[in-house]
């Protein structure tokens, strides 16, 4: 009986690890959940932006917002004035990079999502200046009941 349980447990671990490895939202094996995102943003030469900073920038109309989440997530809800540039589509060559513009903040779902960081890195590598990443992401903006738009 205990041998069967051990086999089933081992099988569950192997299958779970395989699914996690191929899932776009899989858990990182190298970076603890959400830990160190601010440091990785700085390491990439980008600006970490928190919710209060972003709220001020948005109110003053001083920033372009790029949503790196999927088009479906964008339609359900996004920050006001944001443009949809799903990282997965850009990575797969299905969508172009957004045109260069002034100060830009990329965001995705939350601090566990790395798509905004990937998008922002690519913009900076292209030569865009003043690129930031929203550390907390859309979910925290929404949880605070701050205004969102829907398509």
N, C-alpha and C. Protein backbone atom coordinates (compact mmCIF):
# COMPACT_ATOMS: atom_id res chain seq x y z
N UNK A 1 0.81 -1.19 0.00
CA UNK A 1 0.00 0.00 0.00
C UNK A 1 0.87 1.26 0.00
N UNK A 2 1.88 1.32 0.88
CA UNK A 2 2.73 2.50 0.94
C UNK A 2 3.59 2.63 -0.32
N UNK A 3 3.90 1.51 -0.98
CA UNK A 3 4.66 1.57 -2.23
C UNK A 3 3.82 2.24 -3.31
N UNK A 4 2.53 1.93 -3.35
CA UNK A 4 1.63 2.56 -4.33
C UNK A 4 1.53 4.06 -4.08
N UNK A 5 1.43 4.44 -2.83
CA UNK A 5 1.35 5.86 -2.50
C UNK A 5 2.63 6.57 -2.93
N UNK A 6 3.77 5.95 -2.68
CA UNK A 6 5.05 6.55 -3.07
C UNK A 6 5.15 6.70 -4.59
N UNK A 7 4.69 5.70 -5.33
CA UNK A 7 4.71 5.76 -6.79
C UNK A 7 3.78 6.86 -7.29
N UNK A 8 2.59 6.93 -6.73
CA UNK A 8 1.64 7.98 -7.14
C UNK A 8 2.17 9.37 -6.80
N UNK A 9 2.78 9.51 -5.65
CA UNK A 9 3.35 10.79 -5.26
C UNK A 9 4.49 11.18 -6.21
N UNK A 10 5.35 10.25 -6.53
CA UNK A 10 6.45 10.52 -7.47
C UNK A 10 5.92 10.90 -8.85
N UNK A 11 4.89 10.20 -9.30
CA UNK A 11 4.27 10.50 -10.59
C UNK A 11 3.66 11.90 -10.58
N UNK A 12 3.01 12.26 -9.48
CA UNK A 12 2.42 13.59 -9.36
C UNK A 12 3.48 14.68 -9.42
N UNK A 13 4.60 14.45 -8.76
CA UNK A 13 5.70 15.43 -8.77
C UNK A 13 6.25 15.58 -10.18
N UNK A 14 6.46 14.49 -10.87
CA UNK A 14 7.01 14.54 -12.23
C UNK A 14 6.04 15.25 -13.18
N UNK A 15 4.76 14.88 -13.13
CA UNK A 15 3.77 15.51 -14.00
C UNK A 15 3.60 16.99 -13.67
N UNK A 16 3.55 17.31 -12.38
CA UNK A 16 3.43 18.71 -11.97
C UNK A 16 4.61 19.54 -12.44
N UNK A 17 5.81 19.00 -12.33
CA UNK A 17 7.01 19.71 -12.78
C UNK A 17 6.99 19.91 -14.29
N UNK A 18 6.55 18.90 -15.03
CA UNK A 18 6.48 19.01 -16.49
C UNK A 18 5.48 20.08 -16.91
N UNK A 19 4.32 20.09 -16.30
CA UNK A 19 3.30 21.10 -16.62
C UNK A 19 3.81 22.49 -16.26
N UNK A 20 4.44 22.63 -15.11
CA UNK A 20 4.99 23.91 -14.69
C UNK A 20 6.04 24.41 -15.67
N UNK A 21 6.85 23.52 -16.19
CA UNK A 21 7.92 23.90 -17.10
C UNK A 21 7.39 24.45 -18.42
N UNK A 22 6.27 23.95 -18.90
CA UNK A 22 5.74 24.41 -20.20
C UNK A 22 4.67 25.49 -20.06
N UNK A 23 4.19 25.71 -18.86
CA UNK A 23 3.15 26.71 -18.65
C UNK A 23 3.72 28.12 -18.72
N UNK A 24 3.05 29.05 -19.44
CA UNK A 24 3.53 30.42 -19.48
C UNK A 24 3.43 31.10 -18.12
N UNK A 25 2.61 30.59 -17.24
CA UNK A 25 2.48 31.15 -15.90
C UNK A 25 3.06 30.22 -14.85
N UNK A 26 3.95 29.35 -15.27
CA UNK A 26 4.56 28.42 -14.33
C UNK A 26 5.37 29.13 -13.26
N UNK A 27 5.58 28.46 -12.17
CA UNK A 27 6.36 29.02 -11.07
C UNK A 27 7.85 28.98 -11.44
N UNK A 28 8.53 30.04 -11.11
CA UNK A 28 9.96 30.12 -11.41
C UNK A 28 10.74 29.19 -10.51
N UNK A 29 11.71 28.50 -11.11
CA UNK A 29 12.59 27.63 -10.33
C UNK A 29 13.77 28.43 -9.79
N UNK A 30 14.07 29.57 -10.38
CA UNK A 30 15.26 30.33 -10.00
C UNK A 30 14.96 31.59 -9.20
N UNK A 31 13.76 32.12 -9.30
CA UNK A 31 13.40 33.33 -8.57
C UNK A 31 12.20 33.03 -7.69
N UNK A 32 12.34 33.17 -6.37
CA UNK A 32 11.20 32.93 -5.50
C UNK A 32 10.03 33.82 -5.90
N UNK A 33 8.83 33.37 -5.61
CA UNK A 33 7.63 34.07 -6.03
C UNK A 33 7.68 35.56 -5.75
N UNK A 34 7.74 36.34 -6.80
CA UNK A 34 7.66 37.78 -6.68
C UNK A 34 8.87 38.43 -6.04
N UNK A 35 9.76 37.65 -5.48
CA UNK A 35 10.92 38.20 -4.79
C UNK A 35 11.93 38.70 -5.80
N UNK A 36 12.48 39.85 -5.53
CA UNK A 36 13.58 40.33 -6.34
C UNK A 36 13.19 40.99 -7.65
N UNK A 37 11.91 41.19 -7.91
CA UNK A 37 11.52 41.81 -9.17
C UNK A 37 12.09 43.22 -9.27
N UNK A 38 11.99 43.97 -8.18
CA UNK A 38 12.51 45.35 -8.18
C UNK A 38 14.01 45.32 -8.52
N UNK A 39 14.76 44.40 -7.92
CA UNK A 39 16.19 44.29 -8.19
C UNK A 39 16.46 43.91 -9.64
N UNK A 40 15.66 43.01 -10.19
CA UNK A 40 15.85 42.60 -11.60
C UNK A 40 15.54 43.76 -12.54
N UNK A 41 14.57 44.58 -12.18
CA UNK A 41 14.24 45.76 -12.99
C UNK A 41 15.43 46.71 -13.00
N UNK A 42 15.98 46.99 -11.82
CA UNK A 42 17.14 47.87 -11.73
C UNK A 42 18.35 47.29 -12.46
N UNK A 43 18.55 45.99 -12.31
CA UNK A 43 19.66 45.31 -12.97
C UNK A 43 19.58 45.46 -14.49
N UNK A 44 18.36 45.53 -15.01
CA UNK A 44 18.16 45.68 -16.45
C UNK A 44 18.30 47.13 -16.91
N UNK A 45 18.58 48.05 -15.97
CA UNK A 45 18.71 49.46 -16.32
C UNK A 45 17.39 50.16 -16.50
N UNK A 46 16.35 49.60 -15.92
CA UNK A 46 15.00 50.14 -16.03
C UNK A 46 14.58 50.77 -14.71
N UNK A 47 13.43 51.42 -14.72
CA UNK A 47 12.93 52.08 -13.52
C UNK A 47 11.79 51.26 -12.90
N UNK A 48 11.96 50.82 -11.64
CA UNK A 48 10.83 50.19 -10.96
C UNK A 48 9.82 51.28 -10.58
N UNK A 49 8.57 51.03 -10.87
CA UNK A 49 7.51 52.00 -10.60
C UNK A 49 6.51 51.34 -9.68
N UNK A 50 6.17 52.02 -8.58
CA UNK A 50 5.14 51.46 -7.71
C UNK A 50 3.80 52.10 -8.05
N UNK A 51 2.75 51.57 -7.45
CA UNK A 51 1.39 52.01 -7.79
C UNK A 51 1.17 53.50 -7.55
N UNK A 52 1.65 54.01 -6.44
CA UNK A 52 1.43 55.43 -6.15
C UNK A 52 2.15 56.32 -7.15
N UNK A 53 3.37 55.96 -7.52
CA UNK A 53 4.10 56.72 -8.54
C UNK A 53 3.34 56.70 -9.86
N UNK A 54 2.88 55.51 -10.24
CA UNK A 54 2.18 55.38 -11.52
C UNK A 54 0.89 56.19 -11.51
N UNK A 55 0.16 56.15 -10.42
CA UNK A 55 -1.08 56.91 -10.32
C UNK A 55 -0.81 58.39 -10.57
N UNK A 56 0.25 58.92 -9.98
CA UNK A 56 0.61 60.33 -10.20
C UNK A 56 0.97 60.59 -11.66
N UNK A 57 1.77 59.70 -12.24
CA UNK A 57 2.18 59.87 -13.64
C UNK A 57 0.98 59.82 -14.58
N UNK A 58 0.05 58.92 -14.31
CA UNK A 58 -1.14 58.78 -15.15
C UNK A 58 -2.01 60.03 -15.04
N UNK A 59 -2.23 60.51 -13.83
CA UNK A 59 -3.04 61.70 -13.64
C UNK A 59 -2.46 62.92 -14.34
N UNK A 60 -1.15 63.00 -14.39
CA UNK A 60 -0.49 64.13 -15.03
C UNK A 60 -0.30 63.92 -16.53
N UNK A 61 -0.69 62.74 -17.04
CA UNK A 61 -0.56 62.46 -18.46
C UNK A 61 0.88 62.41 -18.93
N UNK A 62 1.78 61.97 -18.07
CA UNK A 62 3.20 62.02 -18.39
C UNK A 62 3.81 60.68 -18.75
N UNK A 63 2.99 59.68 -19.00
CA UNK A 63 3.56 58.37 -19.25
C UNK A 63 2.69 57.59 -20.23
N UNK A 64 3.35 56.77 -21.03
CA UNK A 64 2.65 55.85 -21.92
C UNK A 64 2.61 54.50 -21.22
N UNK A 65 1.45 53.88 -21.20
CA UNK A 65 1.27 52.58 -20.54
C UNK A 65 1.18 51.47 -21.58
N UNK A 66 2.00 50.43 -21.38
CA UNK A 66 1.97 49.27 -22.25
C UNK A 66 1.59 48.05 -21.43
N UNK A 67 0.51 47.41 -21.82
CA UNK A 67 0.02 46.22 -21.14
C UNK A 67 0.61 44.99 -21.83
N UNK A 68 1.43 44.24 -21.11
CA UNK A 68 2.12 43.08 -21.69
C UNK A 68 1.31 41.79 -21.54
N UNK A 69 0.12 41.87 -20.96
CA UNK A 69 -0.72 40.68 -20.77
C UNK A 69 -1.36 40.29 -22.10
N UNK A 70 -2.05 39.17 -22.10
CA UNK A 70 -2.71 38.70 -23.32
C UNK A 70 -3.82 39.67 -23.74
N UNK A 71 -4.20 39.60 -25.00
CA UNK A 71 -5.26 40.45 -25.51
C UNK A 71 -6.58 40.19 -24.79
N UNK A 72 -6.83 38.94 -24.42
CA UNK A 72 -8.04 38.61 -23.69
C UNK A 72 -8.08 39.25 -22.32
N UNK A 73 -6.96 39.21 -21.61
CA UNK A 73 -6.89 39.86 -20.29
C UNK A 73 -7.06 41.37 -20.44
N UNK A 74 -6.48 41.93 -21.49
CA UNK A 74 -6.59 43.37 -21.74
C UNK A 74 -8.06 43.76 -21.94
N UNK A 75 -8.79 42.96 -22.73
CA UNK A 75 -10.20 43.28 -22.99
C UNK A 75 -11.03 43.23 -21.71
N UNK A 76 -10.71 42.32 -20.82
CA UNK A 76 -11.45 42.19 -19.56
C UNK A 76 -11.25 43.43 -18.69
N UNK A 77 -10.05 43.98 -18.69
CA UNK A 77 -9.79 45.19 -17.92
C UNK A 77 -8.34 45.60 -18.03
N UNK A 78 -8.11 46.92 -18.12
CA UNK A 78 -6.75 47.45 -18.22
C UNK A 78 -6.72 48.86 -17.64
N UNK A 79 -5.53 49.34 -17.39
CA UNK A 79 -5.37 50.70 -16.89
C UNK A 79 -5.80 51.67 -17.98
N UNK A 80 -6.41 52.76 -17.58
CA UNK A 80 -6.92 53.75 -18.52
C UNK A 80 -5.84 54.28 -19.45
N UNK A 81 -6.11 54.26 -20.72
CA UNK A 81 -5.18 54.77 -21.71
C UNK A 81 -4.08 53.80 -22.12
N UNK A 82 -4.06 52.62 -21.52
CA UNK A 82 -3.02 51.64 -21.84
C UNK A 82 -3.21 51.09 -23.25
N UNK A 83 -2.10 50.70 -23.84
CA UNK A 83 -2.10 50.05 -25.14
C UNK A 83 -1.73 48.59 -24.94
N UNK A 84 -2.38 47.71 -25.68
CA UNK A 84 -2.11 46.28 -25.56
C UNK A 84 -0.96 45.87 -26.46
N UNK A 85 0.09 45.34 -25.84
CA UNK A 85 1.23 44.76 -26.56
C UNK A 85 1.60 43.47 -25.86
N UNK A 86 0.82 42.40 -26.11
CA UNK A 86 1.08 41.14 -25.41
C UNK A 86 2.49 40.62 -25.68
N UNK A 87 3.22 40.36 -24.61
CA UNK A 87 4.59 39.88 -24.75
C UNK A 87 4.66 38.61 -25.57
N UNK A 88 3.74 37.70 -25.33
CA UNK A 88 3.79 36.41 -26.04
C UNK A 88 3.70 36.63 -27.56
N UNK A 89 2.83 37.54 -27.99
CA UNK A 89 2.70 37.83 -29.42
C UNK A 89 3.97 38.46 -29.99
N UNK A 90 4.58 39.35 -29.22
CA UNK A 90 5.82 39.98 -29.67
C UNK A 90 6.94 38.95 -29.75
N UNK A 91 7.03 38.12 -28.71
CA UNK A 91 8.08 37.10 -28.66
C UNK A 91 7.96 36.12 -29.82
N UNK A 92 6.72 35.78 -30.21
CA UNK A 92 6.50 34.82 -31.29
C UNK A 92 6.50 35.48 -32.66
N UNK A 93 6.73 36.80 -32.71
CA UNK A 93 6.77 37.51 -33.98
C UNK A 93 5.40 37.78 -34.58
N UNK A 94 4.34 37.62 -33.81
CA UNK A 94 2.98 37.85 -34.30
C UNK A 94 2.58 39.32 -34.21
N UNK A 95 3.33 40.10 -33.44
CA UNK A 95 3.02 41.52 -33.27
C UNK A 95 4.34 42.29 -33.24
N UNK A 96 4.33 43.52 -33.76
CA UNK A 96 5.55 44.33 -33.73
C UNK A 96 5.72 44.98 -32.35
N UNK A 97 6.92 45.46 -32.11
CA UNK A 97 7.15 46.25 -30.91
C UNK A 97 6.38 47.56 -31.03
N UNK A 98 5.98 48.12 -29.92
CA UNK A 98 5.33 49.43 -30.00
C UNK A 98 6.32 50.47 -30.51
N UNK A 99 5.83 51.50 -31.18
CA UNK A 99 6.75 52.53 -31.66
C UNK A 99 7.43 53.23 -30.49
N UNK A 100 8.62 53.75 -30.72
CA UNK A 100 9.34 54.49 -29.68
C UNK A 100 8.53 55.74 -29.34
N UNK A 101 8.54 56.06 -28.07
CA UNK A 101 7.81 57.25 -27.59
C UNK A 101 8.47 57.72 -26.31
N UNK A 102 7.85 58.66 -25.67
CA UNK A 102 8.39 59.23 -24.43
C UNK A 102 8.38 58.24 -23.28
N UNK A 103 8.33 58.75 -22.07
CA UNK A 103 8.37 57.88 -20.89
C UNK A 103 7.31 56.77 -20.98
N UNK A 104 7.76 55.56 -20.68
CA UNK A 104 6.91 54.38 -20.84
C UNK A 104 6.96 53.53 -19.59
N UNK A 105 5.81 53.00 -19.20
CA UNK A 105 5.74 52.02 -18.12
C UNK A 105 5.01 50.79 -18.66
N UNK A 106 5.67 49.65 -18.56
CA UNK A 106 5.06 48.38 -18.95
C UNK A 106 4.53 47.70 -17.70
N UNK A 107 3.43 46.98 -17.87
CA UNK A 107 2.90 46.23 -16.74
C UNK A 107 2.30 44.92 -17.21
N UNK A 108 2.19 43.99 -16.29
CA UNK A 108 1.46 42.76 -16.54
C UNK A 108 0.60 42.46 -15.32
N UNK A 109 0.29 41.23 -15.06
CA UNK A 109 -0.70 40.91 -14.03
C UNK A 109 -0.27 41.27 -12.61
N UNK A 110 0.92 40.85 -12.22
CA UNK A 110 1.35 41.05 -10.84
C UNK A 110 2.85 40.86 -10.75
N UNK A 111 3.38 40.90 -9.53
CA UNK A 111 4.83 40.80 -9.36
C UNK A 111 5.38 39.43 -9.69
N UNK A 112 4.51 38.46 -9.94
CA UNK A 112 4.96 37.13 -10.33
C UNK A 112 5.08 36.99 -11.84
N UNK A 113 4.58 37.95 -12.57
CA UNK A 113 4.58 37.92 -14.03
C UNK A 113 5.81 38.67 -14.54
N UNK A 114 6.59 38.04 -15.38
CA UNK A 114 7.80 38.67 -15.91
C UNK A 114 7.64 39.27 -17.29
N UNK A 115 6.44 39.22 -17.86
CA UNK A 115 6.27 39.70 -19.24
C UNK A 115 6.53 41.19 -19.39
N UNK A 116 6.13 41.99 -18.41
CA UNK A 116 6.37 43.43 -18.49
C UNK A 116 7.87 43.72 -18.47
N UNK A 117 8.60 43.01 -17.64
CA UNK A 117 10.05 43.18 -17.58
C UNK A 117 10.68 42.79 -18.90
N UNK A 118 10.24 41.70 -19.50
CA UNK A 118 10.78 41.27 -20.80
C UNK A 118 10.51 42.32 -21.88
N UNK A 119 9.29 42.84 -21.91
CA UNK A 119 8.92 43.86 -22.89
C UNK A 119 9.75 45.12 -22.67
N UNK A 120 9.86 45.56 -21.44
CA UNK A 120 10.62 46.77 -21.14
C UNK A 120 12.10 46.60 -21.50
N UNK A 121 12.66 45.43 -21.22
CA UNK A 121 14.06 45.16 -21.58
C UNK A 121 14.26 45.30 -23.09
N UNK A 122 13.33 44.75 -23.85
CA UNK A 122 13.44 44.81 -25.31
C UNK A 122 13.36 46.26 -25.80
N UNK A 123 12.48 47.04 -25.19
CA UNK A 123 12.39 48.46 -25.57
C UNK A 123 13.69 49.19 -25.27
N UNK A 124 14.26 48.92 -24.10
CA UNK A 124 15.52 49.57 -23.73
C UNK A 124 16.65 49.13 -24.65
N UNK A 125 16.69 47.85 -25.02
CA UNK A 125 17.72 47.35 -25.93
C UNK A 125 17.60 48.02 -27.29
N UNK A 126 16.37 48.34 -27.68
CA UNK A 126 16.14 49.01 -28.95
C UNK A 126 16.61 50.46 -28.89
N UNK A 127 16.74 51.01 -27.69
CA UNK A 127 17.19 52.39 -27.55
C UNK A 127 16.18 53.31 -26.90
N UNK A 128 15.01 52.79 -26.54
CA UNK A 128 14.04 53.64 -25.84
C UNK A 128 14.63 54.08 -24.51
N UNK A 129 14.32 55.30 -24.13
CA UNK A 129 14.80 55.83 -22.86
C UNK A 129 13.63 56.01 -21.91
N UNK A 130 13.95 56.08 -20.64
CA UNK A 130 12.96 56.32 -19.60
C UNK A 130 11.87 55.25 -19.63
N UNK A 131 12.29 53.99 -19.50
CA UNK A 131 11.37 52.86 -19.51
C UNK A 131 11.28 52.30 -18.09
N UNK A 132 10.05 52.11 -17.63
CA UNK A 132 9.83 51.57 -16.31
C UNK A 132 8.93 50.34 -16.34
N UNK A 133 8.89 49.66 -15.20
CA UNK A 133 8.04 48.48 -15.04
C UNK A 133 7.23 48.65 -13.76
N UNK A 134 5.93 48.47 -13.85
CA UNK A 134 5.07 48.51 -12.67
C UNK A 134 5.31 47.24 -11.86
N UNK A 135 5.81 47.39 -10.66
CA UNK A 135 6.19 46.24 -9.84
C UNK A 135 4.97 45.42 -9.43
N UNK A 136 3.93 46.05 -8.91
CA UNK A 136 2.79 45.32 -8.37
C UNK A 136 1.85 44.78 -9.45
N UNK A 137 1.77 45.42 -10.60
CA UNK A 137 0.95 44.95 -11.70
C UNK A 137 -0.52 45.34 -11.63
N UNK A 138 -1.22 44.91 -12.68
CA UNK A 138 -2.64 45.25 -12.84
C UNK A 138 -3.48 44.74 -11.68
N UNK A 139 -3.21 43.53 -11.21
CA UNK A 139 -4.05 42.93 -10.17
C UNK A 139 -4.13 43.81 -8.94
N UNK A 140 -3.02 44.35 -8.51
CA UNK A 140 -3.03 45.20 -7.31
C UNK A 140 -3.75 46.51 -7.58
N UNK A 141 -3.58 47.06 -8.78
CA UNK A 141 -4.32 48.27 -9.16
C UNK A 141 -5.82 47.99 -9.04
N UNK A 142 -6.25 46.89 -9.60
CA UNK A 142 -7.67 46.51 -9.57
C UNK A 142 -8.13 46.23 -8.14
N UNK A 143 -7.29 45.54 -7.35
CA UNK A 143 -7.65 45.23 -5.96
C UNK A 143 -7.86 46.49 -5.13
N UNK A 144 -7.19 47.55 -5.48
CA UNK A 144 -7.37 48.83 -4.77
C UNK A 144 -8.61 49.57 -5.26
N UNK A 145 -9.28 48.97 -6.22
CA UNK A 145 -10.50 49.54 -6.80
C UNK A 145 -10.24 50.87 -7.50
N UNK A 146 -9.04 51.00 -8.06
CA UNK A 146 -8.71 52.18 -8.86
C UNK A 146 -9.33 51.98 -10.24
N UNK A 147 -9.57 53.06 -10.98
CA UNK A 147 -10.31 52.94 -12.24
C UNK A 147 -9.60 52.11 -13.30
N UNK A 148 -10.39 51.31 -13.98
CA UNK A 148 -9.91 50.50 -15.10
C UNK A 148 -10.86 50.70 -16.27
N UNK A 149 -10.39 50.37 -17.44
CA UNK A 149 -11.22 50.41 -18.65
C UNK A 149 -11.41 49.00 -19.16
N UNK A 150 -12.48 48.80 -19.90
CA UNK A 150 -12.76 47.51 -20.53
C UNK A 150 -13.08 47.72 -21.99
N UNK A 151 -12.74 46.75 -22.80
CA UNK A 151 -13.08 46.82 -24.23
C UNK A 151 -14.27 45.95 -24.53
